[in-house]
Amino acid sequence: MKILIFNWTSEQLITGKKKLTVRNWEYGNPKAYTGEIVQAYDNSPLYNGHRIGFVKILGMSWKKLKNITEKEIKAEGMWHRNKEEYIEFMKKKYPNFDNDSKMCFVHIKYLGKGERKEWIKKK
């Protein structure tokens, strides 16, 4: 089963404050698809990460990070005070990144810690 890692924003995800995750996925080649339910981890399982629940992918789009809105930054659950701080953080996180790089904006819903089969039945 696919996983998404939320090592910077695990708490925000669990508390329902995180509704969006911005990923550096290849344009047109997402790692997950709309409607899919994936596992959420607090870190990579290779580095002792733990499953913190399940996330449903509500939708996604690609756009240039320089076009991110303050509302989207808030939905990301990040601590950055403004767009400039957020973009600088992303540049450090992704060294090959620039303002014109297209990022995948993935709209998500945290489903809780239950078993995946519980969420599939609720569709």
N, C-alpha and C. Protein backbone atom coordinates (compact mmCIF):
# COMPACT_ATOMS: atom_id res chain seq x y z
N MET A 1 0.84 -1.18 0.00
CA MET A 1 0.00 0.00 0.00
C MET A 1 0.89 1.25 0.00
N LYS A 2 0.47 2.26 -0.71
CA LYS A 2 1.23 3.50 -0.80
C LYS A 2 1.25 4.24 0.53
N ILE A 3 2.31 5.02 0.71
CA ILE A 3 2.40 5.84 1.92
C ILE A 3 2.77 7.27 1.54
N LEU A 4 2.35 8.21 2.36
CA LEU A 4 2.81 9.59 2.31
C LEU A 4 3.42 9.89 3.66
N ILE A 5 4.52 10.60 3.65
CA ILE A 5 5.23 10.93 4.89
C ILE A 5 4.96 12.38 5.26
N PHE A 6 4.61 12.60 6.51
CA PHE A 6 4.29 13.92 7.03
C PHE A 6 5.21 14.24 8.21
N ASN A 7 6.52 14.16 8.00
CA ASN A 7 7.43 14.33 9.13
C ASN A 7 7.46 15.76 9.66
N TRP A 8 7.16 16.75 8.87
CA TRP A 8 7.13 18.14 9.36
C TRP A 8 5.78 18.50 9.95
N THR A 9 4.73 17.82 9.52
CA THR A 9 3.38 18.26 9.89
C THR A 9 2.48 17.13 10.39
N SER A 10 3.05 16.14 11.06
CA SER A 10 2.25 15.02 11.57
C SER A 10 1.15 15.48 12.53
N GLU A 11 1.52 16.35 13.46
CA GLU A 11 0.56 16.82 14.45
C GLU A 11 -0.58 17.59 13.78
N GLN A 12 -0.24 18.44 12.82
CA GLN A 12 -1.27 19.21 12.12
C GLN A 12 -2.22 18.29 11.35
N LEU A 13 -1.67 17.22 10.79
CA LEU A 13 -2.50 16.25 10.07
C LEU A 13 -3.49 15.59 11.02
N ILE A 14 -2.99 15.07 12.12
CA ILE A 14 -3.82 14.34 13.08
C ILE A 14 -4.89 15.23 13.69
N THR A 15 -4.57 16.49 13.92
CA THR A 15 -5.55 17.40 14.53
C THR A 15 -6.52 18.01 13.52
N GLY A 16 -6.34 17.69 12.24
CA GLY A 16 -7.26 18.17 11.21
C GLY A 16 -6.93 19.53 10.65
N LYS A 17 -5.80 20.11 11.03
CA LYS A 17 -5.41 21.43 10.52
C LYS A 17 -4.79 21.35 9.13
N LYS A 18 -4.27 20.19 8.77
CA LYS A 18 -3.62 20.03 7.47
C LYS A 18 -4.62 19.48 6.47
N LYS A 19 -4.87 20.25 5.43
CA LYS A 19 -5.82 19.88 4.38
C LYS A 19 -5.15 19.79 3.01
N LEU A 20 -3.89 20.17 2.95
CA LEU A 20 -3.15 20.25 1.69
C LEU A 20 -1.72 19.82 1.95
N THR A 21 -1.14 19.09 1.01
CA THR A 21 0.28 18.80 1.06
C THR A 21 0.87 19.12 -0.31
N VAL A 22 1.96 19.85 -0.30
CA VAL A 22 2.63 20.23 -1.55
C VAL A 22 3.80 19.28 -1.75
N ARG A 23 3.79 18.59 -2.87
CA ARG A 23 4.79 17.56 -3.13
C ARG A 23 5.59 17.87 -4.40
N ASN A 24 6.82 17.45 -4.38
CA ASN A 24 7.72 17.63 -5.52
C ASN A 24 7.63 16.39 -6.41
N TRP A 25 6.43 16.12 -6.91
CA TRP A 25 6.21 14.98 -7.79
C TRP A 25 6.39 15.42 -9.23
N GLU A 26 6.89 14.53 -10.03
CA GLU A 26 7.10 14.82 -11.45
C GLU A 26 5.77 15.24 -12.08
N TYR A 27 5.82 16.30 -12.86
CA TYR A 27 4.60 16.84 -13.47
C TYR A 27 3.89 15.75 -14.27
N GLY A 28 2.61 15.56 -13.98
CA GLY A 28 1.80 14.58 -14.68
C GLY A 28 2.00 13.15 -14.22
N ASN A 29 2.85 12.94 -13.20
CA ASN A 29 3.13 11.59 -12.72
C ASN A 29 3.00 11.53 -11.19
N PRO A 30 1.77 11.60 -10.68
CA PRO A 30 1.60 11.62 -9.23
C PRO A 30 1.93 10.27 -8.59
N LYS A 31 2.28 10.32 -7.32
CA LYS A 31 2.57 9.10 -6.56
C LYS A 31 1.29 8.49 -5.98
N ALA A 32 0.20 9.23 -6.04
CA ALA A 32 -1.11 8.76 -5.58
C ALA A 32 -2.16 9.46 -6.44
N TYR A 33 -3.39 8.96 -6.41
CA TYR A 33 -4.43 9.48 -7.30
C TYR A 33 -5.67 9.91 -6.52
N THR A 34 -6.44 10.80 -7.11
CA THR A 34 -7.67 11.27 -6.51
C THR A 34 -8.57 10.09 -6.17
N GLY A 35 -9.10 10.12 -4.94
CA GLY A 35 -9.98 9.06 -4.48
C GLY A 35 -9.24 7.94 -3.76
N GLU A 36 -7.95 7.89 -3.91
CA GLU A 36 -7.16 6.81 -3.30
C GLU A 36 -6.98 7.05 -1.79
N ILE A 37 -6.94 5.97 -1.03
CA ILE A 37 -6.64 6.03 0.40
C ILE A 37 -5.24 5.47 0.59
N VAL A 38 -4.40 6.26 1.26
CA VAL A 38 -3.00 5.87 1.47
C VAL A 38 -2.67 5.95 2.95
N GLN A 39 -1.59 5.28 3.32
CA GLN A 39 -1.13 5.33 4.69
C GLN A 39 -0.38 6.64 4.93
N ALA A 40 -0.54 7.19 6.12
CA ALA A 40 0.20 8.39 6.53
C ALA A 40 1.23 7.97 7.58
N TYR A 41 2.47 8.39 7.38
CA TYR A 41 3.55 8.08 8.31
C TYR A 41 4.16 9.37 8.84
N ASP A 42 4.72 9.28 10.04
CA ASP A 42 5.39 10.45 10.63
C ASP A 42 6.83 10.58 10.16
N ASN A 43 7.37 9.54 9.57
CA ASN A 43 8.71 9.53 8.99
C ASN A 43 8.80 8.29 8.12
N SER A 44 9.83 8.19 7.34
CA SER A 44 10.00 7.02 6.50
C SER A 44 10.11 5.76 7.35
N PRO A 45 9.46 4.68 6.95
CA PRO A 45 9.62 3.43 7.68
C PRO A 45 11.08 2.97 7.72
N LEU A 46 11.87 3.41 6.76
CA LEU A 46 13.30 3.07 6.75
C LEU A 46 14.04 3.73 7.90
N TYR A 47 13.46 4.79 8.45
CA TYR A 47 14.07 5.53 9.57
C TYR A 47 13.19 5.47 10.81
N ASN A 48 12.60 4.30 11.05
CA ASN A 48 11.76 4.07 12.23
C ASN A 48 10.49 4.91 12.26
N GLY A 49 9.99 5.28 11.10
CA GLY A 49 8.72 5.99 11.05
C GLY A 49 7.57 5.08 11.44
N HIS A 50 6.50 5.71 11.90
CA HIS A 50 5.32 4.96 12.33
C HIS A 50 4.09 5.43 11.56
N ARG A 51 3.19 4.49 11.31
CA ARG A 51 1.93 4.86 10.67
C ARG A 51 1.10 5.65 11.67
N ILE A 52 0.62 6.80 11.23
CA ILE A 52 -0.19 7.66 12.10
C ILE A 52 -1.65 7.68 11.65
N GLY A 53 -1.95 6.93 10.61
CA GLY A 53 -3.33 6.86 10.14
C GLY A 53 -3.42 6.72 8.64
N PHE A 54 -4.58 7.12 8.12
CA PHE A 54 -4.85 7.03 6.70
C PHE A 54 -5.33 8.38 6.18
N VAL A 55 -5.03 8.63 4.93
CA VAL A 55 -5.38 9.89 4.27
C VAL A 55 -6.09 9.56 2.96
N LYS A 56 -7.14 10.30 2.68
CA LYS A 56 -7.81 10.17 1.39
C LYS A 56 -7.37 11.33 0.50
N ILE A 57 -7.02 11.02 -0.73
CA ILE A 57 -6.64 12.04 -1.70
C ILE A 57 -7.93 12.59 -2.31
N LEU A 58 -8.21 13.86 -2.05
CA LEU A 58 -9.45 14.49 -2.53
C LEU A 58 -9.31 15.09 -3.92
N GLY A 59 -8.09 15.48 -4.27
CA GLY A 59 -7.85 16.07 -5.58
C GLY A 59 -6.44 16.60 -5.63
N MET A 60 -5.99 16.95 -6.84
CA MET A 60 -4.64 17.49 -6.97
C MET A 60 -4.53 18.32 -8.24
N SER A 61 -3.53 19.19 -8.20
CA SER A 61 -3.21 20.00 -9.38
C SER A 61 -1.74 20.39 -9.30
N TRP A 62 -1.18 20.72 -10.43
CA TRP A 62 0.20 21.19 -10.47
C TRP A 62 0.19 22.69 -10.73
N LYS A 63 1.01 23.38 -9.99
CA LYS A 63 1.17 24.81 -10.26
C LYS A 63 2.52 25.27 -9.73
N LYS A 64 2.91 26.42 -10.18
CA LYS A 64 4.18 26.99 -9.73
C LYS A 64 4.05 27.40 -8.28
N LEU A 65 5.06 27.08 -7.51
CA LEU A 65 5.01 27.38 -6.09
C LEU A 65 4.91 28.88 -5.84
N LYS A 66 5.47 29.68 -6.73
CA LYS A 66 5.39 31.13 -6.53
C LYS A 66 3.94 31.62 -6.56
N ASN A 67 3.03 30.78 -7.05
CA ASN A 67 1.61 31.16 -7.11
C ASN A 67 0.80 30.64 -5.92
N ILE A 68 1.47 30.09 -4.92
CA ILE A 68 0.76 29.60 -3.74
C ILE A 68 0.11 30.79 -3.01
N THR A 69 -1.06 30.55 -2.46
CA THR A 69 -1.78 31.61 -1.74
C THR A 69 -1.57 31.44 -0.23
N GLU A 70 -1.86 32.50 0.50
CA GLU A 70 -1.78 32.44 1.96
C GLU A 70 -2.75 31.38 2.50
N LYS A 71 -3.90 31.25 1.88
CA LYS A 71 -4.89 30.25 2.28
C LYS A 71 -4.32 28.83 2.11
N GLU A 72 -3.60 28.61 1.02
CA GLU A 72 -3.00 27.29 0.78
C GLU A 72 -1.88 27.01 1.78
N ILE A 73 -1.11 28.02 2.13
CA ILE A 73 -0.06 27.84 3.13
C ILE A 73 -0.68 27.43 4.47
N LYS A 74 -1.79 28.07 4.81
CA LYS A 74 -2.48 27.72 6.06
C LYS A 74 -3.01 26.29 5.98
N ALA A 75 -3.56 25.90 4.84
CA ALA A 75 -4.08 24.53 4.66
C ALA A 75 -2.96 23.50 4.70
N GLU A 76 -1.73 23.92 4.39
CA GLU A 76 -0.56 23.04 4.47
C GLU A 76 -0.22 22.72 5.92
N GLY A 77 -0.69 23.55 6.84
CA GLY A 77 -0.42 23.31 8.25
C GLY A 77 0.97 23.71 8.68
N MET A 78 1.63 24.50 7.86
CA MET A 78 3.00 24.91 8.16
C MET A 78 3.02 26.10 9.09
N TRP A 79 4.16 26.38 9.64
CA TRP A 79 4.35 27.43 10.64
C TRP A 79 4.82 28.75 10.02
N HIS A 80 4.98 28.79 8.73
CA HIS A 80 5.50 29.99 8.07
C HIS A 80 4.51 31.13 8.16
N ARG A 81 5.04 32.31 8.40
CA ARG A 81 4.17 33.47 8.59
C ARG A 81 3.68 34.07 7.28
N ASN A 82 4.42 33.80 6.19
CA ASN A 82 4.02 34.38 4.91
C ASN A 82 4.56 33.56 3.76
N LYS A 83 4.18 33.95 2.58
CA LYS A 83 4.55 33.25 1.36
C LYS A 83 6.06 33.19 1.16
N GLU A 84 6.75 34.28 1.43
CA GLU A 84 8.19 34.33 1.22
C GLU A 84 8.92 33.32 2.11
N GLU A 85 8.52 33.25 3.38
CA GLU A 85 9.12 32.28 4.31
C GLU A 85 8.88 30.85 3.83
N TYR A 86 7.67 30.59 3.37
CA TYR A 86 7.32 29.25 2.91
C TYR A 86 8.16 28.86 1.69
N ILE A 87 8.27 29.76 0.74
CA ILE A 87 9.05 29.46 -0.47
C ILE A 87 10.52 29.25 -0.12
N GLU A 88 11.07 30.03 0.78
CA GLU A 88 12.46 29.83 1.19
C GLU A 88 12.65 28.46 1.84
N PHE A 89 11.69 28.05 2.66
CA PHE A 89 11.75 26.72 3.27
C PHE A 89 11.76 25.64 2.19
N MET A 90 10.89 25.76 1.21
CA MET A 90 10.81 24.76 0.14
C MET A 90 12.09 24.72 -0.69
N LYS A 91 12.71 25.86 -0.88
CA LYS A 91 13.99 25.90 -1.62
C LYS A 91 15.07 25.13 -0.86
N LYS A 92 15.05 25.21 0.46
CA LYS A 92 16.03 24.47 1.27
C LYS A 92 15.71 22.97 1.26
N LYS A 93 14.44 22.66 1.28
CA LYS A 93 14.00 21.27 1.29
C LYS A 93 14.29 20.58 -0.05
N TYR A 94 14.11 21.31 -1.13
CA TYR A 94 14.33 20.79 -2.49
C TYR A 94 15.38 21.66 -3.18
N PRO A 95 16.67 21.30 -3.08
CA PRO A 95 17.76 22.15 -3.60
C PRO A 95 17.67 22.47 -5.10
N ASN A 96 17.07 21.62 -5.90
CA ASN A 96 16.97 21.87 -7.35
C ASN A 96 15.75 22.70 -7.72
N PHE A 97 15.07 23.18 -6.74
CA PHE A 97 13.82 23.89 -6.90
C PHE A 97 14.05 25.37 -7.22
N ASP A 98 13.19 25.93 -8.03
CA ASP A 98 13.17 27.39 -8.20
C ASP A 98 11.71 27.85 -8.24
N ASN A 99 11.50 29.13 -8.28
CA ASN A 99 10.13 29.68 -8.21
C ASN A 99 9.22 29.23 -9.34
N ASP A 100 9.82 28.86 -10.48
CA ASP A 100 9.01 28.42 -11.61
C ASP A 100 8.78 26.91 -11.64
N SER A 101 9.33 26.20 -10.66
CA SER A 101 9.12 24.75 -10.59
C SER A 101 7.65 24.46 -10.30
N LYS A 102 7.10 23.50 -11.03
CA LYS A 102 5.72 23.10 -10.76
C LYS A 102 5.73 22.05 -9.66
N MET A 103 4.87 22.28 -8.68
CA MET A 103 4.71 21.37 -7.56
C MET A 103 3.30 20.79 -7.62
N CYS A 104 3.13 19.63 -7.01
CA CYS A 104 1.81 19.01 -6.97
C CYS A 104 1.12 19.41 -5.67
N PHE A 105 -0.01 20.06 -5.80
CA PHE A 105 -0.82 20.48 -4.66
C PHE A 105 -1.88 19.39 -4.45
N VAL A 106 -1.73 18.64 -3.37
CA VAL A 106 -2.57 17.48 -3.10
C VAL A 106 -3.52 17.81 -1.95
N HIS A 107 -4.80 17.83 -2.25
CA HIS A 107 -5.83 18.09 -1.24
C HIS A 107 -6.16 16.77 -0.56
N ILE A 108 -6.12 16.79 0.77
CA ILE A 108 -6.23 15.55 1.53
C ILE A 108 -7.24 15.66 2.67
N LYS A 109 -7.65 14.50 3.15
CA LYS A 109 -8.51 14.42 4.33
C LYS A 109 -7.96 13.31 5.21
N TYR A 110 -7.68 13.64 6.45
CA TYR A 110 -7.21 12.64 7.41
C TYR A 110 -8.40 11.80 7.86
N LEU A 111 -8.25 10.48 7.75
CA LEU A 111 -9.35 9.58 8.07
C LEU A 111 -9.24 8.96 9.46
N GLY A 112 -8.13 9.13 10.11
CA GLY A 112 -7.95 8.54 11.43
C GLY A 112 -6.98 7.37 11.40
N LYS A 113 -6.91 6.68 12.53
CA LYS A 113 -5.91 5.62 12.69
C LYS A 113 -6.46 4.23 12.43
N GLY A 114 -7.73 4.09 12.14
CA GLY A 114 -8.34 2.77 11.94
C GLY A 114 -7.69 1.98 10.82
N GLU A 115 -8.18 0.80 10.60
CA GLU A 115 -7.66 -0.04 9.52
C GLU A 115 -8.21 0.44 8.18
N ARG A 116 -7.44 0.25 7.14
CA ARG A 116 -7.82 0.71 5.80
C ARG A 116 -9.18 0.16 5.38
N LYS A 117 -9.47 -1.11 5.70
CA LYS A 117 -10.73 -1.72 5.27
C LYS A 117 -11.94 -0.97 5.83
N GLU A 118 -11.79 -0.35 7.00
CA GLU A 118 -12.88 0.44 7.58
C GLU A 118 -13.23 1.61 6.68
N TRP A 119 -12.22 2.26 6.09
CA TRP A 119 -12.44 3.46 5.29
C TRP A 119 -12.98 3.09 3.92
N ILE A 120 -12.58 1.95 3.40
CA ILE A 120 -13.08 1.52 2.10
C ILE A 120 -14.58 1.25 2.18
N LYS A 121 -15.04 0.68 3.27
CA LYS A 121 -16.47 0.39 3.44
C LYS A 121 -17.29 1.67 3.52
N LYS A 122 -16.70 2.79 3.98
CA LYS A 122 -17.42 4.04 4.16
C LYS A 122 -17.55 4.85 2.88
N LYS A 123 -16.97 4.40 1.79
CA LYS A 123 -16.97 5.17 0.53
C LYS A 123 -18.36 5.56 0.12
